[in-house]
Amino acid sequence: MGSDSSNGTASTKPLKFLIYGRTGWIGGLLGKLCQSQGIDFTYGSGRLENRPSLEADIAAVNPSHVFNAAGVTGRPNVDWCESHKVETIRTNVVGTLTLADVCREKGLVLINYATGCIFEYDSSHPLGSGIGFKEEDTPNFIGSYYSKTKAMVEDLLKNYENVCTLRVRMPISCDLANPRNFITKITRYDKVVNIPNSMTILDELLPISIEMAKRNLTGIYNFTNPGVVSHNEILEMYRDYIDPKFTWKNFTLEEQAKVIVAPRSNNELDTVKLKQEFPELLPIKESLIKYVFKPNQKTAAA
């Protein structure tokens, strides 16, 4: 590894990003951010599990950093992964590891958008306690095959000193028409559970991931806003800022279990490490209002 990609030292090489996941939500937003910041970028055309195609991309682009926003989350949701296990492994495990390995060989930092849905509240991290799971904690949630593959690959990636793993959770953006947006999802459900969770406001955190690349940060980061917010708290904000007539119904985890194939992760992640690097990071409820609800406000006053 050259000194360019040692942890926490800024690069001297001009920025040029190679981004995987062009057709995905985060990959698309990343490209727009690069355009707005005047950063040179190219989308990778290779398949993650095809090593020669990745090597060809890197040779053609000669990037300063690589971003991986490709992955299988399943359509319409993670239940898809339960019946498509080989496809899930191919992209989420084989593909991600191949990209990390190629990047390491080339001396490149890889910013890898991963998931924080590999934990669930337990006796050491009780719901409502404010005690979040830390970066070094061992995943305790393998209820869904999606989460199981993500926990596997995170464990293996710890050995790659060139990788920055960002644990994203329940991503939200100001685009309330996007079906991937957590807010959009829960406003369209017949019933929702009501559990506080750590979540990721992409409008605030994606620019931070670009800054992390510039600083050549590596290792695992809980990539969520500080604190937790519940489903009902979000829907109350939605009603107050967007649609005063909006109503919803709750149901229990036991009732939810009857209409989903795989259990879902609920947790709080500790954000001390990310806050030390980016002290300006807003708590989740403040970030929701600033980046999502205020820009979309349709009511007179909230």
Protein backbone atom coordinates (compact mmCIF):
# COMPACT_ATOMS: atom_id res chain seq x y z
CA MET A 1 0.00 0.00 0.00
CA GLY A 2 1.35 3.40 -0.90
CA SER A 3 1.20 6.33 1.51
CA ASP A 4 -1.67 7.76 -0.56
CA SER A 5 -4.16 5.34 0.96
CA SER A 6 -2.90 5.14 4.53
CA ASN A 7 -5.72 5.90 6.93
CA GLY A 8 -6.49 9.54 7.54
CA THR A 9 -4.02 11.22 5.19
CA ALA A 10 -5.31 13.42 2.41
CA SER A 11 -4.40 12.44 -1.14
CA THR A 12 -2.21 14.58 -3.35
CA LYS A 13 -3.47 12.81 -6.49
CA PRO A 14 -6.27 14.74 -8.28
CA LEU A 15 -9.70 13.39 -7.35
CA LYS A 16 -11.24 10.95 -9.78
CA PHE A 17 -13.92 8.62 -8.50
CA LEU A 18 -14.86 5.25 -9.95
CA ILE A 19 -18.41 4.47 -8.77
CA TYR A 20 -20.20 1.12 -8.87
CA GLY A 21 -23.99 1.09 -8.63
CA ARG A 22 -25.00 3.52 -11.38
CA THR A 23 -28.58 2.24 -11.52
CA GLY A 24 -29.00 2.20 -7.74
CA TRP A 25 -30.37 4.94 -5.53
CA ILE A 26 -27.14 5.80 -3.67
CA GLY A 27 -24.99 5.37 -6.78
CA GLY A 28 -27.20 7.79 -8.71
CA LEU A 29 -27.12 10.36 -5.91
CA LEU A 30 -23.33 10.05 -5.65
CA GLY A 31 -22.92 10.91 -9.34
CA LYS A 32 -25.12 14.00 -8.92
CA LEU A 33 -23.08 15.08 -5.87
CA CYS A 34 -19.82 14.70 -7.81
CA GLN A 35 -21.28 16.82 -10.64
CA SER A 36 -22.36 19.55 -8.22
CA GLN A 37 -18.94 19.56 -6.52
CA GLY A 38 -17.01 19.46 -9.80
CA ILE A 39 -15.43 16.10 -9.00
CA ASP A 40 -14.36 13.98 -11.96
CA PHE A 41 -16.13 10.60 -11.82
CA THR A 42 -16.96 7.58 -13.94
CA TYR A 43 -19.41 4.76 -13.37
CA GLY A 44 -17.88 1.29 -13.48
CA SER A 45 -19.17 -0.93 -16.27
CA GLY A 46 -17.73 -4.19 -14.91
CA ARG A 47 -19.66 -6.78 -12.92
CA LEU A 48 -18.46 -6.93 -9.32
CA GLU A 49 -18.03 -10.70 -9.39
CA ASN A 50 -16.00 -10.53 -12.63
CA ARG A 51 -12.44 -9.67 -11.60
CA PRO A 52 -11.01 -8.99 -15.08
CA SER A 53 -13.85 -6.51 -15.77
CA LEU A 54 -12.99 -4.58 -12.57
CA GLU A 55 -9.30 -4.56 -13.45
CA ALA A 56 -10.20 -3.22 -16.90
CA ASP A 57 -12.31 -0.42 -15.36
CA ILE A 58 -9.48 0.64 -13.05
CA ALA A 59 -6.92 0.54 -15.88
CA ALA A 60 -9.18 2.67 -18.11
CA VAL A 61 -10.22 5.21 -15.46
CA ASN A 62 -7.12 5.40 -13.24
CA PRO A 63 -9.21 6.55 -10.26
CA SER A 64 -8.04 8.15 -7.02
CA HIS A 65 -10.82 6.37 -5.08
CA VAL A 66 -13.42 3.67 -5.70
CA PHE A 67 -16.99 3.72 -4.32
CA ASN A 68 -19.18 0.64 -4.06
CA ALA A 69 -22.90 1.43 -4.01
CA ALA A 70 -23.80 -1.78 -5.85
CA GLY A 71 -25.50 -4.63 -4.07
CA VAL A 72 -28.60 -6.76 -3.87
CA THR A 73 -31.25 -5.55 -1.44
CA GLY A 74 -34.10 -7.39 -3.16
CA ARG A 75 -37.26 -6.23 -4.90
CA PRO A 76 -39.65 -5.15 -3.58
CA ASN A 77 -37.80 -5.82 -0.30
CA VAL A 78 -35.25 -8.08 1.40
CA ASP A 79 -37.68 -11.01 1.41
CA TRP A 80 -36.55 -11.56 -2.22
CA CYS A 81 -33.12 -12.61 -0.94
CA GLU A 82 -34.66 -15.53 1.01
CA SER A 83 -35.53 -17.27 -2.26
CA HIS A 84 -32.55 -15.98 -4.30
CA LYS A 85 -29.65 -16.92 -2.05
CA VAL A 86 -27.04 -17.64 -4.72
CA GLU A 87 -27.73 -14.32 -6.50
CA THR A 88 -27.46 -12.55 -3.15
CA ILE A 89 -24.11 -14.21 -2.36
CA ARG A 90 -22.76 -13.50 -5.86
CA THR A 91 -23.14 -9.73 -5.54
CA ASN A 92 -23.08 -9.03 -1.80
CA VAL A 93 -20.26 -11.40 -0.87
CA VAL A 94 -18.25 -12.55 -3.92
CA GLY A 95 -18.63 -9.23 -5.76
CA THR A 96 -17.84 -6.94 -2.83
CA LEU A 97 -14.82 -9.01 -1.80
CA THR A 98 -13.52 -9.11 -5.37
CA LEU A 99 -13.74 -5.33 -5.67
CA ALA A 100 -12.02 -4.84 -2.30
CA ASP A 101 -9.25 -7.23 -3.32
CA VAL A 102 -8.67 -5.58 -6.70
CA CYS A 103 -8.60 -2.15 -5.04
CA ARG A 104 -6.08 -3.35 -2.46
CA GLU A 105 -3.87 -4.72 -5.21
CA LYS A 106 -3.96 -1.32 -6.93
CA GLY A 107 -3.39 0.66 -3.70
CA LEU A 108 -6.85 2.26 -3.79
CA VAL A 109 -9.20 3.20 -0.96
CA LEU A 110 -12.65 1.64 -1.40
CA ILE A 111 -15.62 3.44 0.15
CA ASN A 112 -18.12 0.62 0.66
CA TYR A 113 -21.77 1.45 1.43
CA ALA A 114 -22.77 -1.39 3.72
CA THR A 115 -25.60 -1.87 6.21
CA GLY A 116 -26.23 -1.43 9.91
CA CYS A 117 -29.10 -3.94 9.70
CA ILE A 118 -26.85 -6.59 11.24
CA PHE A 119 -27.80 -5.81 14.84
CA GLU A 120 -30.94 -6.00 16.95
CA TYR A 121 -31.75 -4.67 20.40
CA ASP A 122 -30.57 -7.05 23.13
CA SER A 123 -30.04 -7.13 26.90
CA SER A 124 -26.77 -5.14 26.58
CA HIS A 125 -28.35 -2.64 24.15
CA PRO A 126 -31.99 -2.37 25.26
CA LEU A 127 -34.56 -0.44 23.25
CA GLY A 128 -34.82 3.12 24.58
CA SER A 129 -31.58 2.94 26.58
CA GLY A 130 -29.50 5.17 24.32
CA ILE A 131 -26.78 2.48 24.33
CA GLY A 132 -25.88 1.95 20.71
CA PHE A 133 -23.92 -0.80 19.01
CA LYS A 134 -20.33 0.27 18.33
CA GLU A 135 -18.22 -0.29 15.23
CA GLU A 136 -16.26 -3.12 16.86
CA ASP A 137 -19.33 -5.01 18.15
CA THR A 138 -20.08 -8.42 16.67
CA PRO A 139 -23.31 -8.54 14.62
CA ASN A 140 -26.15 -10.28 16.49
CA PHE A 141 -28.89 -10.20 13.83
CA ILE A 142 -29.00 -12.81 11.09
CA GLY A 143 -32.79 -13.03 10.86
CA SER A 144 -32.79 -12.28 7.13
CA TYR A 145 -30.50 -13.82 4.53
CA TYR A 146 -29.69 -10.31 3.30
CA SER A 147 -28.37 -9.35 6.76
CA LYS A 148 -26.54 -12.66 7.07
CA THR A 149 -24.55 -12.05 3.87
CA LYS A 150 -23.82 -8.45 4.89
CA ALA A 151 -22.49 -9.54 8.30
CA MET A 152 -20.29 -12.19 6.59
CA VAL A 153 -18.75 -9.75 4.17
CA GLU A 154 -18.22 -7.05 6.81
CA ASP A 155 -16.26 -9.54 8.93
CA LEU A 156 -14.04 -10.50 5.97
CA LEU A 157 -13.52 -6.86 4.90
CA LYS A 158 -12.03 -6.04 8.32
CA ASN A 159 -8.84 -7.64 6.98
CA TYR A 160 -8.63 -5.17 4.09
CA GLU A 161 -6.83 -2.06 5.35
CA ASN A 162 -7.89 -0.13 2.23
CA VAL A 163 -11.65 -0.41 2.84
CA CYS A 164 -13.93 2.12 4.51
CA THR A 165 -17.17 0.34 5.46
CA LEU A 166 -20.15 2.64 6.01
CA ARG A 167 -23.06 1.07 7.91
CA VAL A 168 -26.15 2.70 6.37
CA ARG A 169 -29.60 2.16 7.96
CA MET A 170 -33.14 2.80 6.72
CA PRO A 171 -31.95 5.47 4.25
CA ILE A 172 -34.01 8.63 3.82
CA SER A 173 -33.71 11.50 1.35
CA CYS A 174 -35.64 14.64 0.44
CA ASP A 175 -37.05 12.81 -2.59
CA LEU A 176 -40.37 11.68 -1.14
CA ALA A 177 -41.46 10.19 -4.48
CA ASN A 178 -38.63 7.63 -4.40
CA PRO A 179 -39.95 4.14 -3.54
CA ARG A 180 -36.61 3.26 -1.86
CA ASN A 181 -36.96 6.13 0.61
CA PHE A 182 -37.84 4.80 4.07
CA ILE A 183 -40.41 7.58 4.56
CA THR A 184 -42.06 6.82 1.22
CA LYS A 185 -42.18 3.12 2.11
CA ILE A 186 -43.87 3.59 5.48
CA THR A 187 -46.40 6.15 4.19
CA ARG A 188 -47.55 3.51 1.68
CA TYR A 189 -47.83 0.58 4.08
CA ASP A 190 -51.25 -0.48 5.33
CA LYS A 191 -49.83 -0.78 8.84
CA VAL A 192 -46.48 0.06 10.45
CA VAL A 193 -44.65 -1.06 13.56
CA ASN A 194 -43.51 1.69 15.91
CA ILE A 195 -39.91 1.14 16.99
CA PRO A 196 -37.11 3.69 17.50
CA ASN A 197 -34.22 3.11 15.08
CA SER A 198 -30.99 4.65 13.88
CA MET A 199 -31.39 5.99 10.34
CA THR A 200 -29.32 7.62 7.59
CA ILE A 201 -30.30 10.99 6.09
CA LEU A 202 -28.57 10.70 2.72
CA ASP A 203 -28.74 14.45 1.97
CA GLU A 204 -26.49 15.06 4.97
CA LEU A 205 -24.39 11.90 5.01
CA LEU A 206 -23.53 11.25 1.35
CA PRO A 207 -21.47 14.49 1.12
CA ILE A 208 -19.71 13.33 4.29
CA SER A 209 -18.78 10.05 2.56
CA ILE A 210 -17.10 12.05 -0.21
CA GLU A 211 -15.17 13.99 2.44
CA MET A 212 -14.18 10.67 4.05
CA ALA A 213 -12.69 9.58 0.72
CA LYS A 214 -10.75 12.85 0.49
CA ARG A 215 -9.37 12.15 3.98
CA ASN A 216 -8.62 8.52 3.04
CA LEU A 217 -10.46 7.21 6.08
CA THR A 218 -10.67 3.43 6.36
CA GLY A 219 -12.23 0.95 8.78
CA ILE A 220 -15.85 0.60 9.89
CA TYR A 221 -18.11 3.58 10.59
CA ASN A 222 -21.68 3.56 11.84
CA PHE A 223 -23.06 5.79 9.08
CA THR A 224 -26.26 7.09 10.66
CA ASN A 225 -27.36 10.33 12.26
CA PRO A 226 -26.97 10.39 16.06
CA GLY A 227 -29.92 9.18 18.11
CA VAL A 228 -33.05 7.30 17.11
CA VAL A 229 -36.45 8.10 15.65
CA SER A 230 -39.57 5.93 15.61
CA HIS A 231 -41.96 5.19 12.76
CA ASN A 232 -44.73 7.18 14.46
CA GLU A 233 -42.46 10.19 15.05
CA ILE A 234 -41.61 10.27 11.33
CA LEU A 235 -45.26 9.91 10.31
CA GLU A 236 -46.25 12.68 12.74
CA MET A 237 -43.69 14.95 11.04
CA TYR A 238 -45.07 13.86 7.66
CA ARG A 239 -48.57 14.80 8.78
CA ASP A 240 -47.42 18.14 10.27
CA TYR A 241 -45.27 19.23 7.32
CA ILE A 242 -46.72 17.47 4.26
CA ASP A 243 -50.26 16.14 4.61
CA PRO A 244 -52.46 17.21 7.57
CA LYS A 245 -55.05 14.57 6.63
CA PHE A 246 -52.56 11.71 6.70
CA THR A 247 -53.45 8.82 9.03
CA TRP A 248 -51.84 5.48 9.75
CA LYS A 249 -52.35 2.30 11.74
CA ASN A 250 -49.82 0.49 13.90
CA PHE A 251 -49.35 -3.20 14.45
CA THR A 252 -47.06 -5.28 16.65
CA LEU A 253 -43.89 -7.13 15.65
CA GLU A 254 -45.86 -10.36 16.08
CA GLU A 255 -48.52 -9.13 13.66
CA GLN A 256 -45.84 -7.89 11.24
CA ALA A 257 -44.17 -11.31 11.29
CA LYS A 258 -47.29 -12.81 9.69
CA VAL A 259 -46.97 -10.66 6.54
CA ILE A 260 -43.18 -10.77 5.97
CA VAL A 261 -40.96 -13.72 5.13
CA ALA A 262 -37.84 -12.68 7.07
CA PRO A 263 -37.61 -10.75 10.36
CA ARG A 264 -36.38 -7.13 10.20
CA SER A 265 -33.55 -5.53 12.15
CA ASN A 266 -34.30 -2.84 14.77
CA ASN A 267 -31.39 -1.16 16.54
CA GLU A 268 -29.53 1.94 17.68
CA LEU A 269 -25.99 2.48 16.42
CA ASP A 270 -23.40 4.44 18.38
CA THR A 271 -22.17 7.44 16.33
CA VAL A 272 -19.33 8.71 18.55
CA LYS A 273 -16.64 7.70 16.03
CA LEU A 274 -18.34 9.49 13.10
CA LYS A 275 -19.10 12.57 15.25
CA GLN A 276 -15.45 12.84 16.27
CA GLU A 277 -14.52 13.12 12.60
CA PHE A 278 -17.56 15.28 11.67
CA PRO A 279 -18.72 17.24 14.74
CA GLU A 280 -21.29 19.15 12.67
CA LEU A 281 -23.40 15.98 12.13
CA LEU A 282 -27.00 16.69 13.14
CA PRO A 283 -29.13 14.48 15.43
CA ILE A 284 -31.64 12.43 13.45
CA LYS A 285 -34.76 14.49 14.20
CA GLU A 286 -33.04 17.80 13.42
CA SER A 287 -31.61 16.35 10.20
CA LEU A 288 -35.06 15.08 9.16
CA ILE A 289 -36.56 18.55 9.57
CA LYS A 290 -33.69 20.42 7.89
CA TYR A 291 -33.05 18.13 4.92
CA VAL A 292 -36.38 16.38 4.32
CA PHE A 293 -39.46 18.02 5.81
CA LYS A 294 -38.67 21.75 5.53
CA PRO A 295 -37.71 21.51 1.81
CA ASN A 296 -40.92 19.57 1.12
CA GLN A 297 -43.22 21.52 3.45
CA LYS A 298 -46.77 21.90 2.16
CA THR A 299 -48.54 22.96 5.36
CA ALA A 300 -48.76 26.58 6.54
CA ALA A 301 -46.77 26.09 9.73
CA ALA A 302 -45.34 23.18 11.65
